[in-house]
Amino acid sequence: MQLIADMHTHTIASGHAYSTVNELASAAADIGLKAIALTDHGPALPGGPHPYHFGAMRFIPKELYGVRIFLGVEANIIDRNGAIDLPESYQDRLDFVMAGLHEGCGFDNQGVEGNSDAVINAMENPRIKAISHPGNPVFPIDYERIVHASLETGTALEINNSSLCISREGSRPNCEKLTSLMARYGSPLVVGSDAHIAQGVGVFSDAVALLAKYGIDEGQVVNSSMTRLLRFLKLES
């Protein structure tokens, strides 16, 4: 399966990442990616950027080194109602809003039911296009419920390559279960590297192997073609 865009990357603005916008874009160009999404953490994460950061992203060119740049955020879900830590006025300025559960952001583990309610309620927000690393064992969720909500809302669930090799230890069994359910029901998914340095951009090998294991159809993967991705994001080409 060919992936044409990395939809989960972090710049130095995230506070614990180590490359600039230009460095990420250059790295993407070097490996032949057509696009990247800049998804710095939302402001609730310790060390994360001020909300103004996401308002000022208009200064970033739409293309660098021949790579299309999607302006985005990895926002934090901060309550059971699915609220996130970025006002709607800022969400509306972005191409790609992804949201997830992170420690230290005001939402503590509320058990499978509470965590699942929070994620599903976030998915009801039409601005939120994807849920980041739902396999995180720190926040257990009901994968049947989540996959059905994905189908109902059109929200993609992320298979996060870093969760399978470097981050969030213990994620793999959850990612396996999630992927098997997505294969069964045909729900939309997105693959991201979760790169925190330029050398991590476009590193998808573990995620792609997992998709192959469960026979995920290319049509389910929103970043497997530019046409499919632009349609998913509701953007002009």
Foldseek 3Di string as FASTA:
>chain_A
DAFQEAEAEEDCQLQQFDHHPQLQQVLSVVVRHQEYEHAREAPLPVRHHDLVVLVPCVPPDCHDNNHGYWYEYAWEQAFLLQDTRHDPVSLVSGLAYEYEHDPRRNDAAPDAVSLQSNVLNNLQPLSHQEYELQLQPRHHYDLVSVQVSLVVSVHAYEDEQCCVPPDRPPSVVSSLVNLLVCQVPVGAYEYHDNHSYSVSHPPGVVVVVSNVVNVRDLLRYQRNDPVSVCVSSVHDD
